[in-house]
């Protein structure tokens, strides 16, 4: 995922842009934008209350609660349940980055500058999906999201996380960066996420002798967490 100047040099060496990592934003609260526009006063407080209520009512998570046999909440570490989930996850005909507990602990748990956090979906003792995220000012940034394809696990995971973030943080928005793909689709629009115009190139140098799978952009699943550490 190179910067603009680096991408030009890579293109000259035969690298091509395989997919774009697109940025999607869901607004949770309007307080900051309203106060920035008219200042903090009685009028801005009233407008913020009305706007926040409208945002919550129109949010897809209000009406998309997961089945009763599913539970979701924060986790403290990347334990063996992540390995069980990754081993059972159907990766047939798709290209994913590594997601073992050892790798996740190294990539996120041991990061020296960013306080990454974990939110997971369970069916009994079995993990059905998880989100890795961090807070940056008024933004909650999702770095990785993945759930088993059975049922509506992805929707249950995302709706639970949106409610959790709204109720347990002061974040004004949730941001997620990922590519368009057919292997781990996330219903972002259904939950009020809007795609922004900016994006990040993902470039690859794929030899002619490689599997056709590697050249099929829709079969790659990439998030901002797949960038260089």
Protein backbone atom coordinates (compact mmCIF):
# COMPACT_ATOMS: atom_id res chain seq x y z
CA UNK A 1 0.00 0.00 0.00
CA UNK A 2 2.47 2.64 -1.18
CA UNK A 3 2.23 6.41 -1.07
CA UNK A 4 1.78 8.30 -4.34
CA UNK A 5 5.46 8.88 -5.10
CA UNK A 6 6.35 5.28 -4.31
CA UNK A 7 3.49 3.94 -6.44
CA UNK A 8 4.87 5.70 -9.51
CA UNK A 9 8.24 4.01 -9.04
CA UNK A 10 6.58 0.63 -8.56
CA UNK A 11 4.51 1.06 -11.73
CA UNK A 12 7.72 1.55 -13.71
CA UNK A 13 8.92 -1.78 -12.32
CA UNK A 14 5.84 -3.67 -13.46
CA UNK A 15 3.68 -3.42 -10.35
CA UNK A 16 -0.04 -2.81 -10.89
CA UNK A 17 -2.86 -1.50 -8.74
CA UNK A 18 -4.91 -4.56 -7.90
CA UNK A 19 -7.56 -2.99 -5.64
CA UNK A 20 -8.28 0.22 -3.77
CA UNK A 21 -8.78 0.31 -0.02
CA UNK A 22 -11.82 2.59 0.33
CA UNK A 23 -12.72 4.68 3.38
CA UNK A 24 -16.24 4.44 4.79
CA UNK A 25 -17.56 6.64 7.61
CA UNK A 26 -20.57 6.32 9.89
CA UNK A 27 -21.52 9.41 11.91
CA UNK A 28 -22.58 8.61 15.49
CA UNK A 29 -22.86 12.11 16.94
CA UNK A 30 -23.18 15.57 15.44
CA UNK A 31 -22.07 17.56 18.49
CA UNK A 32 -18.57 18.41 17.29
CA UNK A 33 -19.63 19.57 13.82
CA UNK A 34 -22.50 21.68 15.14
CA UNK A 35 -20.37 23.31 17.84
CA UNK A 36 -17.65 24.03 15.29
CA UNK A 37 -20.21 25.78 13.08
CA UNK A 38 -22.09 27.88 15.67
CA UNK A 39 -20.17 27.52 18.92
CA UNK A 40 -21.19 25.86 22.18
CA UNK A 41 -24.45 27.35 23.42
CA UNK A 42 -28.07 26.54 24.14
CA UNK A 43 -28.96 26.45 20.45
CA UNK A 44 -26.11 24.09 19.55
CA UNK A 45 -27.05 21.83 22.47
CA UNK A 46 -30.66 21.62 21.24
CA UNK A 47 -29.58 21.00 17.66
CA UNK A 48 -27.11 18.33 18.76
CA UNK A 49 -29.76 16.50 20.77
CA UNK A 50 -32.15 16.48 17.81
CA UNK A 51 -29.45 15.48 15.33
CA UNK A 52 -28.08 12.71 17.54
CA UNK A 53 -31.56 11.29 18.07
CA UNK A 54 -32.15 11.28 14.31
CA UNK A 55 -28.80 9.58 13.69
CA UNK A 56 -29.56 6.87 16.23
CA UNK A 57 -33.09 6.22 14.92
CA UNK A 58 -31.89 6.00 11.32
CA UNK A 59 -28.95 3.76 12.23
CA UNK A 60 -29.20 0.19 10.97
CA UNK A 61 -28.02 -1.29 14.26
CA UNK A 62 -31.21 -0.24 16.08
CA UNK A 63 -33.31 -2.70 14.12
CA UNK A 64 -30.71 -5.36 13.38
CA UNK A 65 -30.00 -7.07 16.66
CA UNK A 66 -28.46 -10.49 16.28
CA UNK A 67 -30.13 -13.79 17.18
CA UNK A 68 -30.46 -14.53 20.88
CA UNK A 69 -27.92 -17.37 20.79
CA UNK A 70 -25.15 -14.91 19.85
CA UNK A 71 -23.29 -12.72 22.32
CA UNK A 72 -20.76 -9.96 21.69
CA UNK A 73 -18.36 -7.90 23.76
CA UNK A 74 -14.77 -6.77 24.33
CA UNK A 75 -11.82 -9.13 24.81
CA UNK A 76 -8.46 -8.58 26.50
CA UNK A 77 -6.11 -10.68 24.38
CA UNK A 78 -5.66 -12.91 21.33
CA UNK A 79 -6.10 -16.41 22.79
CA UNK A 80 -6.57 -19.88 21.31
CA UNK A 81 -10.14 -19.09 20.27
CA UNK A 82 -8.74 -16.91 17.46
CA UNK A 83 -6.83 -19.92 16.12
CA UNK A 84 -9.94 -22.10 16.28
CA UNK A 85 -11.88 -19.42 14.41
CA UNK A 86 -9.18 -18.96 11.76
CA UNK A 87 -8.76 -22.70 11.22
CA UNK A 88 -12.50 -23.17 10.75
CA UNK A 89 -13.02 -20.10 8.56
CA UNK A 90 -13.70 -21.03 4.93
CA UNK A 91 -10.83 -19.49 2.95
CA UNK A 92 -11.47 -21.50 -0.22
CA UNK A 93 -10.95 -19.51 -3.41
CA UNK A 94 -9.89 -16.34 -1.59
CA UNK A 95 -6.76 -14.40 -0.64
CA UNK A 96 -6.46 -13.34 3.01
CA UNK A 97 -3.70 -11.97 5.18
CA UNK A 98 -2.52 -14.10 8.10
CA UNK A 99 -4.86 -14.07 11.12
CA UNK A 100 -3.45 -16.56 13.62
CA UNK A 101 -3.41 -15.59 17.29
CA UNK A 102 0.38 -15.34 17.20
CA UNK A 103 0.32 -12.95 14.26
CA UNK A 104 -2.53 -10.85 15.66
CA UNK A 105 -0.77 -10.55 19.02
CA UNK A 106 2.39 -9.39 17.24
CA UNK A 107 0.62 -7.06 14.80
CA UNK A 108 -1.82 -5.43 17.23
CA UNK A 109 -1.24 -6.57 20.80
CA UNK A 110 2.42 -5.59 20.89
CA UNK A 111 2.11 -2.32 18.96
CA UNK A 112 4.27 0.35 20.65
CA UNK A 113 2.17 3.39 19.67
CA UNK A 114 -1.45 2.37 19.13
CA UNK A 115 -3.84 1.02 21.77
CA UNK A 116 -5.63 -1.60 19.69
CA UNK A 117 -8.73 -3.17 21.18
CA UNK A 118 -10.77 -6.30 20.43
CA UNK A 119 -14.51 -6.85 20.10
CA UNK A 120 -15.77 -10.36 19.34
CA UNK A 121 -18.94 -12.29 18.51
CA UNK A 122 -19.59 -15.70 20.08
CA UNK A 123 -22.01 -18.57 19.76
CA UNK A 124 -21.55 -20.27 23.10
CA UNK A 125 -17.81 -20.79 23.48
CA UNK A 126 -17.17 -20.60 19.72
CA UNK A 127 -15.95 -17.37 18.17
CA UNK A 128 -17.97 -16.33 15.12
CA UNK A 129 -16.21 -13.08 14.29
CA UNK A 130 -14.21 -10.16 15.63
CA UNK A 131 -13.30 -6.52 15.12
CA UNK A 132 -9.95 -4.90 15.92
CA UNK A 133 -10.11 -1.15 16.42
CA UNK A 134 -8.59 1.91 18.08
CA UNK A 135 -9.70 5.40 19.04
CA UNK A 136 -8.13 8.43 17.39
CA UNK A 137 -9.57 11.66 18.74
CA UNK A 138 -13.26 11.64 17.92
CA UNK A 139 -12.95 8.71 15.51
CA UNK A 140 -13.21 4.99 16.16
CA UNK A 141 -11.09 3.30 13.50
CA UNK A 142 -11.82 -0.33 12.59
CA UNK A 143 -8.59 -1.97 11.42
CA UNK A 144 -9.97 -5.46 10.83
CA UNK A 145 -13.41 -7.09 10.69
CA UNK A 146 -14.15 -10.70 9.84
CA UNK A 147 -16.99 -13.09 10.64
CA UNK A 148 -18.07 -16.54 9.55
CA UNK A 149 -20.34 -16.54 6.53
CA UNK A 150 -23.12 -18.65 8.05
CA UNK A 151 -26.33 -16.81 8.92
CA UNK A 152 -26.05 -13.09 9.55
CA UNK A 153 -22.93 -13.17 11.70
CA UNK A 154 -21.30 -10.19 9.98
CA UNK A 155 -24.41 -8.05 10.50
CA UNK A 156 -24.74 -9.23 14.11
CA UNK A 157 -21.08 -8.38 14.77
CA UNK A 158 -21.23 -4.93 13.19
CA UNK A 159 -24.55 -3.93 14.76
CA UNK A 160 -23.32 -5.02 18.21
CA UNK A 161 -20.10 -3.07 17.76
CA UNK A 162 -21.91 0.10 16.69
CA UNK A 163 -24.14 -0.03 19.78
CA UNK A 164 -21.15 -0.78 22.00
CA UNK A 165 -19.20 2.18 20.60
CA UNK A 166 -22.13 4.56 20.92
CA UNK A 167 -22.82 3.54 24.52
CA UNK A 168 -19.25 3.19 25.80
CA UNK A 169 -17.24 5.93 24.11
CA UNK A 170 -17.41 9.55 23.03
CA UNK A 171 -16.54 8.76 19.42
CA UNK A 172 -18.28 10.99 16.86
CA UNK A 173 -17.81 8.49 14.03
CA UNK A 174 -16.71 5.00 13.08
CA UNK A 175 -14.28 4.63 10.17
CA UNK A 176 -13.50 1.47 8.26
CA UNK A 177 -11.16 1.02 5.32
CA UNK A 178 -11.49 -2.05 3.13
CA UNK A 179 -11.67 -3.14 -0.49
CA UNK A 180 -14.69 -4.22 -2.49
CA UNK A 181 -14.66 -8.01 -2.56
CA UNK A 182 -16.85 -11.09 -2.86
CA UNK A 183 -15.27 -13.22 -0.14
CA UNK A 184 -16.07 -11.34 3.09
CA UNK A 185 -18.76 -8.81 2.28
CA UNK A 186 -19.69 -6.32 4.99
CA UNK A 187 -23.09 -4.57 4.61
CA UNK A 188 -21.75 -1.09 5.28
CA UNK A 189 -24.52 0.90 3.57
CA UNK A 190 -27.19 -0.95 5.53
CA UNK A 191 -25.63 0.41 8.70
CA UNK A 192 -25.29 3.99 7.53
CA UNK A 193 -21.67 4.00 6.39
CA UNK A 194 -20.91 6.39 3.54
CA UNK A 195 -18.00 5.92 1.18
CA UNK A 196 -15.57 8.83 0.96
CA UNK A 197 -13.69 9.77 -2.19
CA UNK A 198 -10.18 9.12 -0.91
CA UNK A 199 -8.67 5.64 -1.16
CA UNK A 200 -5.40 3.76 -0.73
CA UNK A 201 -3.85 1.77 -3.56
CA UNK A 202 -2.95 -1.88 -3.05
CA UNK A 203 -0.27 -2.79 -5.56
CA UNK A 204 1.05 -6.22 -6.50
CA UNK A 205 3.66 -7.76 -8.74
CA UNK A 206 2.08 -11.01 -9.94
CA UNK A 207 4.17 -13.31 -12.19
CA UNK A 208 2.47 -14.76 -15.26
CA UNK A 209 2.98 -18.24 -13.84
CA UNK A 210 0.94 -17.47 -10.70
CA UNK A 211 -2.52 -18.82 -9.98
CA UNK A 212 -5.32 -16.86 -11.72
CA UNK A 213 -6.78 -16.38 -8.25
CA UNK A 214 -4.09 -13.82 -7.42
CA UNK A 215 -5.14 -11.63 -10.36
CA UNK A 216 -8.83 -11.66 -9.41
CA UNK A 217 -9.33 -8.49 -7.38
CA UNK A 218 -12.72 -9.60 -6.03
CA UNK A 219 -11.10 -12.60 -4.35
CA UNK A 220 -8.79 -10.49 -2.19
CA UNK A 221 -9.95 -9.36 1.25
CA UNK A 222 -7.98 -6.39 2.53
CA UNK A 223 -8.44 -3.86 5.31
CA UNK A 224 -6.31 -1.02 6.64
CA UNK A 225 -4.86 -3.55 9.09
CA UNK A 226 -3.07 -5.24 6.18
CA UNK A 227 -0.82 -2.25 5.62
CA UNK A 228 2.82 -2.31 6.66
CA UNK A 229 3.24 -2.09 10.41
